[in-house]
Amino acid sequence: MFSFTTDDAAGYIEITVNGAISEDDFEGVVKAIDRLTAVHGRLNALEIVRGLPSLPSELWWKDLKYSLSNLDSFGRCAVVSEMGWIGPVTRFFAALLRMEIRAFPLAELEEARAWARGQ
C-alpha cells in the first residue's frame, strides 16, 4: 500500500509506505511535490514507513534521480516507523542534508506531524 495526502495551503505532504509502489503512485507523489514547491518554494513532509517498498529497478533509479535533484524542496521531514534501522539511517542523513530530518516511533505519530508542520 502506498498513499499520500497534501495540505496545499500549508505546503505539507504526508506519505504512507507499506509495500509495493507502482509507477502511477510515484508519478502522483511527484506531481503533488512539484505543485506544492511551485507555490511554497519548500515544503514540509511526513513519511510513515510501515513496510519496505518494492520498486522495479527502473522506478528505483527514477526515484533516486528525482530525490537527489529535489533535496532543496524540503524544509522539515519527519520519518515515522517501527523498523529499527530507520531511525539511525534517518539521523545519519540528517547530518548531511540541508533539510531538517527527525525520526519518530509510530507511538509519536501526532508529535511527528506537529513537528513536521512546524507547530
PDB file of N, CA and C in Angstrom:
ATOM      1  N   MET A   1       0.828  -1.181   0.000  1.00  0.00           N
ATOM      2  CA  MET A   1       0.000   0.000   0.000  1.00  0.00           C
ATOM      3  C   MET A   1       0.877   1.252   0.000  1.00  0.00           C
ATOM      4  N   PHE A   2       0.472   2.195  -0.775  1.00  0.00           N
ATOM      5  CA  PHE A   2       1.142   3.480  -0.846  1.00  0.00           C
ATOM      6  C   PHE A   2       0.047   4.532  -0.928  1.00  0.00           C
ATOM      7  N   SER A   3       0.143   5.554  -0.103  1.00  0.00           N
ATOM      8  CA  SER A   3      -0.840   6.631  -0.180  1.00  0.00           C
ATOM      9  C   SER A   3      -0.184   7.934   0.242  1.00  0.00           C
ATOM     10  N   PHE A   4      -0.797   9.030  -0.163  1.00  0.00           N
ATOM     11  CA  PHE A   4      -0.320  10.328   0.281  1.00  0.00           C
ATOM     12  C   PHE A   4      -1.481  11.306   0.323  1.00  0.00           C
ATOM     13  N   THR A   5      -1.339  12.284   1.201  1.00  0.00           N
ATOM     14  CA  THR A   5      -2.291  13.382   1.293  1.00  0.00           C
ATOM     15  C   THR A   5      -1.493  14.678   1.335  1.00  0.00           C
ATOM     16  N   THR A   6      -2.122  15.744   0.907  1.00  0.00           N
ATOM     17  CA  THR A   6      -1.445  17.045   0.949  1.00  0.00           C
ATOM     18  C   THR A   6      -2.322  18.065   1.646  1.00  0.00           C
ATOM     19  N   ASP A   7      -1.659  19.037   2.228  1.00  0.00           N
ATOM     20  CA  ASP A   7      -2.314  20.240   2.733  1.00  0.00           C
ATOM     21  C   ASP A   7      -1.721  21.358   1.883  1.00  0.00           C
ATOM     22  N   ASP A   8      -2.412  21.680   0.794  1.00  0.00           N
ATOM     23  CA  ASP A   8      -1.878  22.635  -0.171  1.00  0.00           C
ATOM     24  C   ASP A   8      -1.644  24.002   0.450  1.00  0.00           C
ATOM     25  N   ALA A   9      -2.538  24.442   1.331  1.00  0.00           N
ATOM     26  CA  ALA A   9      -2.397  25.764   1.943  1.00  0.00           C
ATOM     27  C   ALA A   9      -1.149  25.848   2.818  1.00  0.00           C
ATOM     28  N   ALA A  10      -0.801  24.747   3.474  1.00  0.00           N
ATOM     29  CA  ALA A  10       0.354  24.744   4.383  1.00  0.00           C
ATOM     30  C   ALA A  10       1.646  24.304   3.707  1.00  0.00           C
ATOM     31  N   GLY A  11       1.576  23.771   2.488  1.00  0.00           N
ATOM     32  CA  GLY A  11       2.783  23.264   1.843  1.00  0.00           C
ATOM     33  C   GLY A  11       3.297  22.020   2.546  1.00  0.00           C
ATOM     34  N   TYR A  12       2.400  21.061   2.774  1.00  0.00           N
ATOM     35  CA  TYR A  12       2.703  19.865   3.565  1.00  0.00           C
ATOM     36  C   TYR A  12       2.231  18.626   2.820  1.00  0.00           C
ATOM     37  N   ILE A  13       3.042  17.569   2.857  1.00  0.00           N
ATOM     38  CA  ILE A  13       2.660  16.286   2.271  1.00  0.00           C
ATOM     39  C   ILE A  13       2.930  15.186   3.283  1.00  0.00           C
ATOM     40  N   GLU A  14       2.017  14.227   3.324  1.00  0.00           N
ATOM     41  CA  GLU A  14       2.166  13.075   4.204  1.00  0.00           C
ATOM     42  C   GLU A  14       2.072  11.826   3.350  1.00  0.00           C
ATOM     43  N   ILE A  15       3.079  10.973   3.460  1.00  0.00           N
ATOM     44  CA  ILE A  15       3.187   9.773   2.630  1.00  0.00           C
ATOM     45  C   ILE A  15       3.212   8.545   3.533  1.00  0.00           C
ATOM     46  N   THR A  16       2.455   7.526   3.167  1.00  0.00           N
ATOM     47  CA  THR A  16       2.490   6.251   3.881  1.00  0.00           C
ATOM     48  C   THR A  16       2.960   5.171   2.920  1.00  0.00           C
ATOM     49  N   VAL A  17       3.985   4.441   3.341  1.00  0.00           N
ATOM     50  CA  VAL A  17       4.559   3.370   2.527  1.00  0.00           C
ATOM     51  C   VAL A  17       4.416   2.060   3.295  1.00  0.00           C
ATOM     52  N   ASN A  18       3.846   1.065   2.621  1.00  0.00           N
ATOM     53  CA  ASN A  18       3.726  -0.258   3.214  1.00  0.00           C
ATOM     54  C   ASN A  18       3.694  -1.289   2.095  1.00  0.00           C
ATOM     55  N   GLY A  19       4.821  -1.467   1.446  1.00  0.00           N
ATOM     56  CA  GLY A  19       4.896  -2.446   0.371  1.00  0.00           C
ATOM     57  C   GLY A  19       5.150  -1.815  -0.983  1.00  0.00           C
ATOM     58  N   ALA A  20       4.577  -2.433  -1.996  1.00  0.00           N
ATOM     59  CA  ALA A  20       4.869  -2.072  -3.385  1.00  0.00           C
ATOM     60  C   ALA A  20       4.445  -0.652  -3.734  1.00  0.00           C
ATOM     61  N   ILE A  21       5.253  -0.020  -4.578  1.00  0.00           N
ATOM     62  CA  ILE A  21       4.950   1.308  -5.117  1.00  0.00           C
ATOM     63  C   ILE A  21       4.932   1.172  -6.640  1.00  0.00           C
ATOM     64  N   SER A  22       3.835   1.587  -7.234  1.00  0.00           N
ATOM     65  CA  SER A  22       3.709   1.491  -8.691  1.00  0.00           C
ATOM     66  C   SER A  22       4.217   2.776  -9.346  1.00  0.00           C
ATOM     67  N   GLU A  23       4.364   2.724 -10.642  1.00  0.00           N
ATOM     68  CA  GLU A  23       4.761   3.923 -11.398  1.00  0.00           C
ATOM     69  C   GLU A  23       3.709   5.016 -11.236  1.00  0.00           C
ATOM     70  N   ASP A  24       2.425   4.653 -11.223  1.00  0.00           N
ATOM     71  CA  ASP A  24       1.360   5.635 -11.026  1.00  0.00           C
ATOM     72  C   ASP A  24       1.456   6.288  -9.643  1.00  0.00           C
ATOM     73  N   ASP A  25       1.767   5.479  -8.616  1.00  0.00           N
ATOM     74  CA  ASP A  25       1.964   6.019  -7.268  1.00  0.00           C
ATOM     75  C   ASP A  25       3.089   7.050  -7.278  1.00  0.00           C
ATOM     76  N   PHE A  26       4.204   6.661  -7.873  1.00  0.00           N
ATOM     77  CA  PHE A  26       5.374   7.528  -7.933  1.00  0.00           C
ATOM     78  C   PHE A  26       5.053   8.830  -8.663  1.00  0.00           C
ATOM     79  N   GLU A  27       4.432   8.712  -9.825  1.00  0.00           N
ATOM     80  CA  GLU A  27       4.102   9.910 -10.610  1.00  0.00           C
ATOM     81  C   GLU A  27       3.127  10.817  -9.866  1.00  0.00           C
ATOM     82  N   GLY A  28       2.189  10.229  -9.135  1.00  0.00           N
ATOM     83  CA  GLY A  28       1.239  11.029  -8.372  1.00  0.00           C
ATOM     84  C   GLY A  28       1.906  11.845  -7.289  1.00  0.00           C
ATOM     85  N   VAL A  29       2.834  11.246  -6.551  1.00  0.00           N
ATOM     86  CA  VAL A  29       3.510  11.986  -5.488  1.00  0.00           C
ATOM     87  C   VAL A  29       4.464  13.018  -6.073  1.00  0.00           C
ATOM     88  N   VAL A  30       5.101  12.729  -7.187  1.00  0.00           N
ATOM     89  CA  VAL A  30       5.982  13.696  -7.850  1.00  0.00           C
ATOM     90  C   VAL A  30       5.181  14.934  -8.272  1.00  0.00           C
ATOM     91  N   LYS A  31       4.018  14.708  -8.871  1.00  0.00           N
ATOM     92  CA  LYS A  31       3.174  15.839  -9.276  1.00  0.00           C
ATOM     93  C   LYS A  31       2.745  16.665  -8.075  1.00  0.00           C
ATOM     94  N   ALA A  32       2.404  16.004  -6.981  1.00  0.00           N
ATOM     95  CA  ALA A  32       1.996  16.727  -5.775  1.00  0.00           C
ATOM     96  C   ALA A  32       3.160  17.539  -5.207  1.00  0.00           C
ATOM     97  N   ILE A  33       4.341  16.961  -5.150  1.00  0.00           N
ATOM     98  CA  ILE A  33       5.517  17.680  -4.638  1.00  0.00           C
ATOM     99  C   ILE A  33       5.839  18.864  -5.545  1.00  0.00           C
ATOM    100  N   ASP A  34       5.825  18.645  -6.844  1.00  0.00           N
ATOM    101  CA  ASP A  34       6.111  19.743  -7.778  1.00  0.00           C
ATOM    102  C   ASP A  34       5.088  20.865  -7.645  1.00  0.00           C
ATOM    103  N   ARG A  35       3.812  20.501  -7.488  1.00  0.00           N
ATOM    104  CA  ARG A  35       2.758  21.509  -7.320  1.00  0.00           C
ATOM    105  C   ARG A  35       2.970  22.320  -6.036  1.00  0.00           C
ATOM    106  N   LEU A  36       3.286  21.639  -4.948  1.00  0.00           N
ATOM    107  CA  LEU A  36       3.488  22.325  -3.669  1.00  0.00           C
ATOM    108  C   LEU A  36       4.731  23.213  -3.687  1.00  0.00           C
ATOM    109  N   THR A  37       5.810  22.733  -4.287  1.00  0.00           N
ATOM    110  CA  THR A  37       7.021  23.545  -4.318  1.00  0.00           C
ATOM    111  C   THR A  37       6.874  24.742  -5.248  1.00  0.00           C
ATOM    112  N   ALA A  38       6.055  24.610  -6.277  1.00  0.00           N
ATOM    113  CA  ALA A  38       5.816  25.759  -7.165  1.00  0.00           C
ATOM    114  C   ALA A  38       5.141  26.898  -6.409  1.00  0.00           C
ATOM    115  N   VAL A  39       4.318  26.559  -5.443  1.00  0.00           N
ATOM    116  CA  VAL A  39       3.594  27.575  -4.663  1.00  0.00           C
ATOM    117  C   VAL A  39       4.401  28.032  -3.454  1.00  0.00           C
ATOM    118  N   HIS A  40       5.005  27.085  -2.735  1.00  0.00           N
ATOM    119  CA  HIS A  40       5.627  27.383  -1.441  1.00  0.00           C
ATOM    120  C   HIS A  40       7.160  27.470  -1.473  1.00  0.00           C
ATOM    121  N   GLY A  41       7.771  27.031  -2.540  1.00  0.00           N
ATOM    122  CA  GLY A  41       9.237  27.019  -2.583  1.00  0.00           C
ATOM    123  C   GLY A  41       9.797  25.785  -1.890  1.00  0.00           C
ATOM    124  N   ARG A  42       9.509  25.659  -0.621  1.00  0.00           N
ATOM    125  CA  ARG A  42       9.922  24.485   0.162  1.00  0.00           C
ATOM    126  C   ARG A  42       8.691  23.940   0.873  1.00  0.00           C
ATOM    127  N   LEU A  43       8.653  22.642   1.047  1.00  0.00           N
ATOM    128  CA  LEU A  43       7.525  22.050   1.740  1.00  0.00           C
ATOM    129  C   LEU A  43       7.996  21.183   2.890  1.00  0.00           C
ATOM    130  N   ASN A  44       7.084  20.889   3.783  1.00  0.00           N
ATOM    131  CA  ASN A  44       7.356  20.004   4.904  1.00  0.00           C
ATOM    132  C   ASN A  44       6.673  18.677   4.633  1.00  0.00           C
ATOM    133  N   ALA A  45       7.261  17.612   5.163  1.00  0.00           N
ATOM    134  CA  ALA A  45       6.755  16.279   4.851  1.00  0.00           C
ATOM    135  C   ALA A  45       6.812  15.366   6.060  1.00  0.00           C
ATOM    136  N   LEU A  46       5.938  14.381   6.025  1.00  0.00           N
ATOM    137  CA  LEU A  46       5.959  13.298   6.990  1.00  0.00           C
ATOM    138  C   LEU A  46       5.845  12.007   6.200  1.00  0.00           C
ATOM    139  N   GLU A  47       6.714  11.067   6.479  1.00  0.00           N
ATOM    140  CA  GLU A  47       6.655   9.774   5.814  1.00  0.00           C
ATOM    141  C   GLU A  47       6.506   8.690   6.871  1.00  0.00           C
ATOM    142  N   ILE A  48       5.455   7.908   6.739  1.00  0.00           N
ATOM    143  CA  ILE A  48       5.219   6.767   7.621  1.00  0.00           C
ATOM    144  C   ILE A  48       5.662   5.524   6.861  1.00  0.00           C
ATOM    145  N   VAL A  49       6.660   4.847   7.393  1.00  0.00           N
ATOM    146  CA  VAL A  49       7.185   3.639   6.750  1.00  0.00           C
ATOM    147  C   VAL A  49       6.733   2.443   7.579  1.00  0.00           C
ATOM    148  N   ARG A  50       5.745   1.732   7.055  1.00  0.00           N
ATOM    149  CA  ARG A  50       5.215   0.551   7.749  1.00  0.00           C
ATOM    150  C   ARG A  50       5.843  -0.733   7.198  1.00  0.00           C
ATOM    151  N   GLY A  51       6.275  -0.691   5.966  1.00  0.00           N
ATOM    152  CA  GLY A  51       6.895  -1.843   5.331  1.00  0.00           C
ATOM    153  C   GLY A  51       7.799  -1.379   4.211  1.00  0.00           C
ATOM    154  N   LEU A  52       8.796  -2.160   3.926  1.00  0.00           N
ATOM    155  CA  LEU A  52       9.736  -1.786   2.871  1.00  0.00           C
ATOM    156  C   LEU A  52       9.048  -1.770   1.525  1.00  0.00           C
ATOM    157  N   PRO A  53       9.269  -0.704   0.763  1.00  0.00           N
ATOM    158  CA  PRO A  53       8.658  -0.658  -0.563  1.00  0.00           C
ATOM    159  C   PRO A  53       9.389  -1.583  -1.522  1.00  0.00           C
ATOM    160  N   SER A  54       8.631  -2.157  -2.432  1.00  0.00           N
ATOM    161  CA  SER A  54       9.283  -2.889  -3.509  1.00  0.00           C
ATOM    162  C   SER A  54       9.125  -2.031  -4.760  1.00  0.00           C
ATOM    163  N   LEU A  55      10.250  -1.769  -5.386  1.00  0.00           N
ATOM    164  CA  LEU A  55      10.276  -0.930  -6.583  1.00  0.00           C
ATOM    165  C   LEU A  55      10.939  -1.682  -7.719  1.00  0.00           C
ATOM    166  N   PRO A  56      10.346  -1.645  -8.903  1.00  0.00           N
ATOM    167  CA  PRO A  56      11.071  -2.167 -10.062  1.00  0.00           C
ATOM    168  C   PRO A  56      12.356  -1.340 -10.242  1.00  0.00           C
ATOM    169  N   SER A  57      13.393  -1.941 -10.767  1.00  0.00           N
ATOM    170  CA  SER A  57      14.684  -1.262 -10.868  1.00  0.00           C
ATOM    171  C   SER A  57      14.602   0.063 -11.624  1.00  0.00           C
ATOM    172  N   GLU A  58      13.816   0.126 -12.687  1.00  0.00           N
ATOM    173  CA  GLU A  58      13.728   1.391 -13.439  1.00  0.00           C
ATOM    174  C   GLU A  58      13.040   2.475 -12.617  1.00  0.00           C
ATOM    175  N   LEU A  59      12.100   2.101 -11.760  1.00  0.00           N
ATOM    176  CA  LEU A  59      11.432   3.079 -10.899  1.00  0.00           C
ATOM    177  C   LEU A  59      12.341   3.494  -9.752  1.00  0.00           C
ATOM    178  N   TRP A  60      13.138   2.550  -9.246  1.00  0.00           N
ATOM    179  CA  TRP A  60      14.103   2.876  -8.197  1.00  0.00           C
ATOM    180  C   TRP A  60      15.076   3.940  -8.701  1.00  0.00           C
ATOM    181  N   TRP A  61      15.581   3.773  -9.902  1.00  0.00           N
ATOM    182  CA  TRP A  61      16.519   4.729 -10.489  1.00  0.00           C
ATOM    183  C   TRP A  61      15.849   6.087 -10.692  1.00  0.00           C
ATOM    184  N   LYS A  62      14.618   6.082 -11.187  1.00  0.00           N
ATOM    185  CA  LYS A  62      13.860   7.314 -11.402  1.00  0.00           C
ATOM    186  C   LYS A  62      13.642   8.048 -10.073  1.00  0.00           C
ATOM    187  N   ASP A  63      13.316   7.296  -9.028  1.00  0.00           N
ATOM    188  CA  ASP A  63      13.117   7.870  -7.698  1.00  0.00           C
ATOM    189  C   ASP A  63      14.406   8.480  -7.169  1.00  0.00           C
ATOM    190  N   LEU A  64      15.502   7.775  -7.318  1.00  0.00           N
ATOM    191  CA  LEU A  64      16.793   8.283  -6.848  1.00  0.00           C
ATOM    192  C   LEU A  64      17.158   9.589  -7.556  1.00  0.00           C
ATOM    193  N   LYS A  65      17.023   9.636  -8.872  1.00  0.00           N
ATOM    194  CA  LYS A  65      17.337  10.856  -9.622  1.00  0.00           C
ATOM    195  C   LYS A  65      16.427  12.009  -9.204  1.00  0.00           C
ATOM    196  N   TYR A  66      15.132  11.748  -9.067  1.00  0.00           N
ATOM    197  CA  TYR A  66      14.198  12.798  -8.666  1.00  0.00           C
ATOM    198  C   TYR A  66      14.527  13.289  -7.254  1.00  0.00           C
ATOM    199  N   SER A  67      14.754  12.361  -6.339  1.00  0.00           N
ATOM    200  CA  SER A  67      15.032  12.724  -4.947  1.00  0.00           C
ATOM    201  C   SER A  67      16.294  13.569  -4.836  1.00  0.00           C
ATOM    202  N   LEU A  68      17.355  13.156  -5.491  1.00  0.00           N
ATOM    203  CA  LEU A  68      18.612  13.906  -5.407  1.00  0.00           C
ATOM    204  C   LEU A  68      18.502  15.288  -6.034  1.00  0.00           C
ATOM    205  N   SER A  69      17.692  15.426  -7.058  1.00  0.00           N
ATOM    206  CA  SER A  69      17.567  16.733  -7.712  1.00  0.00           C
ATOM    207  C   SER A  69      16.572  17.652  -6.998  1.00  0.00           C
ATOM    208  N   ASN A  70      15.877  17.141  -5.985  1.00  0.00           N
ATOM    209  CA  ASN A  70      14.877  17.942  -5.288  1.00  0.00           C
ATOM    210  C   ASN A  70      15.117  18.040  -3.784  1.00  0.00           C
ATOM    211  N   LEU A  71      16.331  17.803  -3.344  1.00  0.00           N
ATOM    212  CA  LEU A  71      16.624  17.861  -1.914  1.00  0.00           C
ATOM    213  C   LEU A  71      16.327  19.228  -1.314  1.00  0.00           C
ATOM    214  N   ASP A  72      16.516  20.291  -2.078  1.00  0.00           N
ATOM    215  CA  ASP A  72      16.269  21.637  -1.553  1.00  0.00           C
ATOM    216  C   ASP A  72      14.789  21.992  -1.531  1.00  0.00           C
ATOM    217  N   SER A  73      13.925  21.070  -1.933  1.00  0.00           N
ATOM    218  CA  SER A  73      12.485  21.327  -1.944  1.00  0.00           C
ATOM    219  C   SER A  73      11.845  21.114  -0.576  1.00  0.00           C
ATOM    220  N   PHE A  74      12.609  20.587   0.375  1.00  0.00           N
ATOM    221  CA  PHE A  74      12.044  20.237   1.674  1.00  0.00           C
ATOM    222  C   PHE A  74      12.652  21.060   2.803  1.00  0.00           C
ATOM    223  N   GLY A  75      11.789  21.494   3.706  1.00  0.00           N
ATOM    224  CA  GLY A  75      12.231  22.193   4.903  1.00  0.00           C
ATOM    225  C   GLY A  75      12.403  21.210   6.043  1.00  0.00           C
ATOM    226  N   ARG A  76      11.292  20.594   6.455  1.00  0.00           N
ATOM    227  CA  ARG A  76      11.297  19.595   7.513  1.00  0.00           C
ATOM    228  C   ARG A  76      10.744  18.284   6.980  1.00  0.00           C
ATOM    229  N   CYS A  77      11.336  17.200   7.450  1.00  0.00           N
ATOM    230  CA  CYS A  77      10.855  15.877   7.069  1.00  0.00           C
ATOM    231  C   CYS A  77      10.903  14.975   8.298  1.00  0.00           C
ATOM    232  N   ALA A  78       9.734  14.499   8.715  1.00  0.00           N
ATOM    233  CA  ALA A  78       9.641  13.542   9.816  1.00  0.00           C
ATOM    234  C   ALA A  78       9.465  12.148   9.215  1.00  0.00           C
ATOM    235  N   VAL A  79      10.224  11.199   9.740  1.00  0.00           N
ATOM    236  CA  VAL A  79      10.127   9.818   9.296  1.00  0.00           C
ATOM    237  C   VAL A  79       9.632   8.999  10.487  1.00  0.00           C
ATOM    238  N   VAL A  80       8.498   8.331  10.303  1.00  0.00           N
ATOM    239  CA  VAL A  80       7.862   7.579  11.381  1.00  0.00           C
ATOM    240  C   VAL A  80       7.877   6.107  11.027  1.00  0.00           C
ATOM    241  N   SER A  81       8.420   5.292  11.925  1.00  0.00           N
ATOM    242  CA  SER A  81       8.498   3.861  11.636  1.00  0.00           C
ATOM    243  C   SER A  81       8.799   3.069  12.900  1.00  0.00           C
ATOM    244  N   GLU A  82       8.400   1.832  12.883  1.00  0.00           N
ATOM    245  CA  GLU A  82       8.768   0.884  13.931  1.00  0.00           C
ATOM    246  C   GLU A  82       9.923  -0.006  13.465  1.00  0.00           C
ATOM    247  N   MET A  83      10.394   0.195  12.263  1.00  0.00           N
ATOM    248  CA  MET A  83      11.516  -0.581  11.743  1.00  0.00           C
ATOM    249  C   MET A  83      12.791  -0.031  12.375  1.00  0.00           C
ATOM    250  N   GLY A  84      13.464  -0.851  13.147  1.00  0.00           N
ATOM    251  CA  GLY A  84      14.581  -0.407  13.976  1.00  0.00           C
ATOM    252  C   GLY A  84      15.710   0.318  13.270  1.00  0.00           C
ATOM    253  N   TRP A  85      15.998  -0.012  12.054  1.00  0.00           N
ATOM    254  CA  TRP A  85      17.132   0.608  11.357  1.00  0.00           C
ATOM    255  C   TRP A  85      16.783   1.959  10.749  1.00  0.00           C
ATOM    256  N   ILE A  86      15.490   2.309  10.638  1.00  0.00           N
ATOM    257  CA  ILE A  86      15.079   3.568  10.009  1.00  0.00           C
ATOM    258  C   ILE A  86      15.598   4.770  10.796  1.00  0.00           C
ATOM    259  N   GLY A  87      15.508   4.732  12.119  1.00  0.00           N
ATOM    260  CA  GLY A  87      15.957   5.858  12.945  1.00  0.00           C
ATOM    261  C   GLY A  87      17.431   6.184  12.742  1.00  0.00           C
ATOM    262  N   PRO A  88      18.344   5.214  12.901  1.00  0.00           N
ATOM    263  CA  PRO A  88      19.760   5.509  12.699  1.00  0.00           C
ATOM    264  C   PRO A  88      20.091   5.997  11.288  1.00  0.00           C
ATOM    265  N   VAL A  89      19.461   5.412  10.283  1.00  0.00           N
ATOM    266  CA  VAL A  89      19.710   5.853   8.906  1.00  0.00           C
ATOM    267  C   VAL A  89      19.207   7.281   8.715  1.00  0.00           C
ATOM    268  N   THR A  90      18.046   7.594   9.281  1.00  0.00           N
ATOM    269  CA  THR A  90      17.497   8.949   9.195  1.00  0.00           C
ATOM    270  C   THR A  90      18.437   9.943   9.861  1.00  0.00           C
ATOM    271  N   ARG A  91      18.932   9.603  11.049  1.00  0.00           N
ATOM    272  CA  ARG A  91      19.854  10.516  11.758  1.00  0.00           C
ATOM    273  C   ARG A  91      21.164  10.694  10.989  1.00  0.00           C
ATOM    274  N   PHE A  92      21.642   9.651  10.335  1.00  0.00           N
ATOM    275  CA  PHE A  92      22.850   9.751   9.526  1.00  0.00           C
ATOM    276  C   PHE A  92      22.656  10.769   8.404  1.00  0.00           C
ATOM    277  N   PHE A  93      21.560  10.635   7.657  1.00  0.00           N
ATOM    278  CA  PHE A  93      21.321  11.545   6.541  1.00  0.00           C
ATOM    279  C   PHE A  93      20.991  12.958   7.017  1.00  0.00           C
ATOM    280  N   ALA A  94      20.416  13.079   8.200  1.00  0.00           N
ATOM    281  CA  ALA A  94      20.104  14.407   8.737  1.00  0.00           C
ATOM    282  C   ALA A  94      21.370  15.244   8.882  1.00  0.00           C
ATOM    283  N   ALA A  95      22.476  14.599   9.193  1.00  0.00           N
ATOM    284  CA  ALA A  95      23.741  15.320   9.352  1.00  0.00           C
ATOM    285  C   ALA A  95      24.312  15.789   8.020  1.00  0.00           C
ATOM    286  N   LEU A  96      23.868  15.211   6.931  1.00  0.00           N
ATOM    287  CA  LEU A  96      24.428  15.519   5.616  1.00  0.00           C
ATOM    288  C   LEU A  96      23.573  16.451   4.762  1.00  0.00           C
ATOM    289  N   LEU A  97      22.312  16.603   5.119  1.00  0.00           N
ATOM    290  CA  LEU A  97      21.381  17.334   4.263  1.00  0.00           C
ATOM    291  C   LEU A  97      20.992  18.673   4.862  1.00  0.00           C
ATOM    292  N   ARG A  98      20.597  19.568   4.009  1.00  0.00           N
ATOM    293  CA  ARG A  98      20.199  20.913   4.415  1.00  0.00           C
ATOM    294  C   ARG A  98      18.844  20.927   5.131  1.00  0.00           C
ATOM    295  N   MET A  99      17.968  20.012   4.774  1.00  0.00           N
ATOM    296  CA  MET A  99      16.652  19.965   5.401  1.00  0.00           C
ATOM    297  C   MET A  99      16.766  19.427   6.827  1.00  0.00           C
ATOM    298  N   GLU A 100      15.782  19.744   7.644  1.00  0.00           N
ATOM    299  CA  GLU A 100      15.709  19.181   8.989  1.00  0.00           C
ATOM    300  C   GLU A 100      14.995  17.837   8.887  1.00  0.00           C
ATOM    301  N   ILE A 101      15.614  16.805   9.443  1.00  0.00           N
ATOM    302  CA  ILE A 101      15.026  15.468   9.412  1.00  0.00           C
ATOM    303  C   ILE A 101      15.051  14.896  10.830  1.00  0.00           C
ATOM    304  N   ARG A 102      13.931  14.323  11.226  1.00  0.00           N
ATOM    305  CA  ARG A 102      13.864  13.645  12.525  1.00  0.00           C
ATOM    306  C   ARG A 102      13.119  12.336  12.373  1.00  0.00           C
ATOM    307  N   ALA A 103      13.542  11.342  13.145  1.00  0.00           N
ATOM    308  CA  ALA A 103      12.877  10.043  13.176  1.00  0.00           C
ATOM    309  C   ALA A 103      12.016   9.959  14.431  1.00  0.00           C
ATOM    310  N   PHE A 104      10.856   9.338  14.297  1.00  0.00           N
ATOM    311  CA  PHE A 104       9.921   9.165  15.402  1.00  0.00           C
ATOM    312  C   PHE A 104       9.392   7.735  15.381  1.00  0.00           C
ATOM    313  N   PRO A 105       9.100   7.167  16.551  1.00  0.00           N
ATOM    314  CA  PRO A 105       8.400   5.879  16.578  1.00  0.00           C
ATOM    315  C   PRO A 105       6.924   6.103  16.260  1.00  0.00           C
ATOM    316  N   LEU A 106       6.243   5.063  15.833  1.00  0.00           N
ATOM    317  CA  LEU A 106       4.835   5.165  15.461  1.00  0.00           C
ATOM    318  C   LEU A 106       3.972   5.696  16.612  1.00  0.00           C
ATOM    319  N   ALA A 107       4.351   5.385  17.840  1.00  0.00           N
ATOM    320  CA  ALA A 107       3.588   5.864  19.003  1.00  0.00           C
ATOM    321  C   ALA A 107       3.596   7.394  19.100  1.00  0.00           C
ATOM    322  N   GLU A 108       4.538   8.048  18.437  1.00  0.00           N
ATOM    323  CA  GLU A 108       4.650   9.512  18.481  1.00  0.00           C
ATOM    324  C   GLU A 108       4.219  10.152  17.152  1.00  0.00           C
ATOM    325  N   LEU A 109       3.294   9.506  16.457  1.00  0.00           N
ATOM    326  CA  LEU A 109       2.857   9.995  15.153  1.00  0.00           C
ATOM    327  C   LEU A 109       2.327  11.427  15.222  1.00  0.00           C
ATOM    328  N   GLU A 110       1.499  11.734  16.192  1.00  0.00           N
ATOM    329  CA  GLU A 110       0.942  13.097  16.284  1.00  0.00           C
ATOM    330  C   GLU A 110       2.024  14.128  16.584  1.00  0.00           C
ATOM    331  N   GLU A 111       2.999  13.786  17.413  1.00  0.00           N
ATOM    332  CA  GLU A 111       4.125  14.685  17.676  1.00  0.00           C
ATOM    333  C   GLU A 111       4.948  14.899  16.408  1.00  0.00           C
ATOM    334  N   ALA A 112       5.114  13.818  15.641  1.00  0.00           N
ATOM    335  CA  ALA A 112       5.851  13.917  14.377  1.00  0.00           C
ATOM    336  C   ALA A 112       5.128  14.849  13.400  1.00  0.00           C
ATOM    337  N   ARG A 113       3.807  14.718  13.323  1.00  0.00           N
ATOM    338  CA  ARG A 113       3.023  15.605  12.448  1.00  0.00           C
ATOM    339  C   ARG A 113       3.192  17.066  12.869  1.00  0.00           C
ATOM    340  N   ALA A 114       3.067  17.319  14.148  1.00  0.00           N
ATOM    341  CA  ALA A 114       3.200  18.692  14.641  1.00  0.00           C
ATOM    342  C   ALA A 114       4.597  19.230  14.339  1.00  0.00           C
ATOM    343  N   TRP A 115       5.623  18.440  14.572  1.00  0.00           N
ATOM    344  CA  TRP A 115       6.995  18.885  14.299  1.00  0.00           C
ATOM    345  C   TRP A 115       7.188  19.150  12.812  1.00  0.00           C
ATOM    346  N   ALA A 116       6.727  18.223  11.973  1.00  0.00           N
ATOM    347  CA  ALA A 116       6.909  18.384  10.521  1.00  0.00           C
ATOM    348  C   ALA A 116       6.196  19.633  10.027  1.00  0.00           C
ATOM    349  N   ARG A 117       5.070  19.967  10.606  1.00  0.00           N
ATOM    350  CA  ARG A 117       4.313  21.151  10.196  1.00  0.00           C
ATOM    351  C   ARG A 117       4.889  22.431  10.819  1.00  0.00           C
ATOM    352  N   GLY A 118       5.860  22.282  11.708  1.00  0.00           N
ATOM    353  CA  GLY A 118       6.462  23.454  12.343  1.00  0.00           C
ATOM    354  C   GLY A 118       5.612  24.027  13.460  1.00  0.00           C
ATOM    355  N   GLN A 119       4.779  23.206  14.059  1.00  0.00           N
ATOM    356  CA  GLN A 119       3.863  23.669  15.115  1.00  0.00           C
ATOM    357  C   GLN A 119       4.404  23.349  16.492  1.00  0.00           C
TER     358      GLN A 119
END
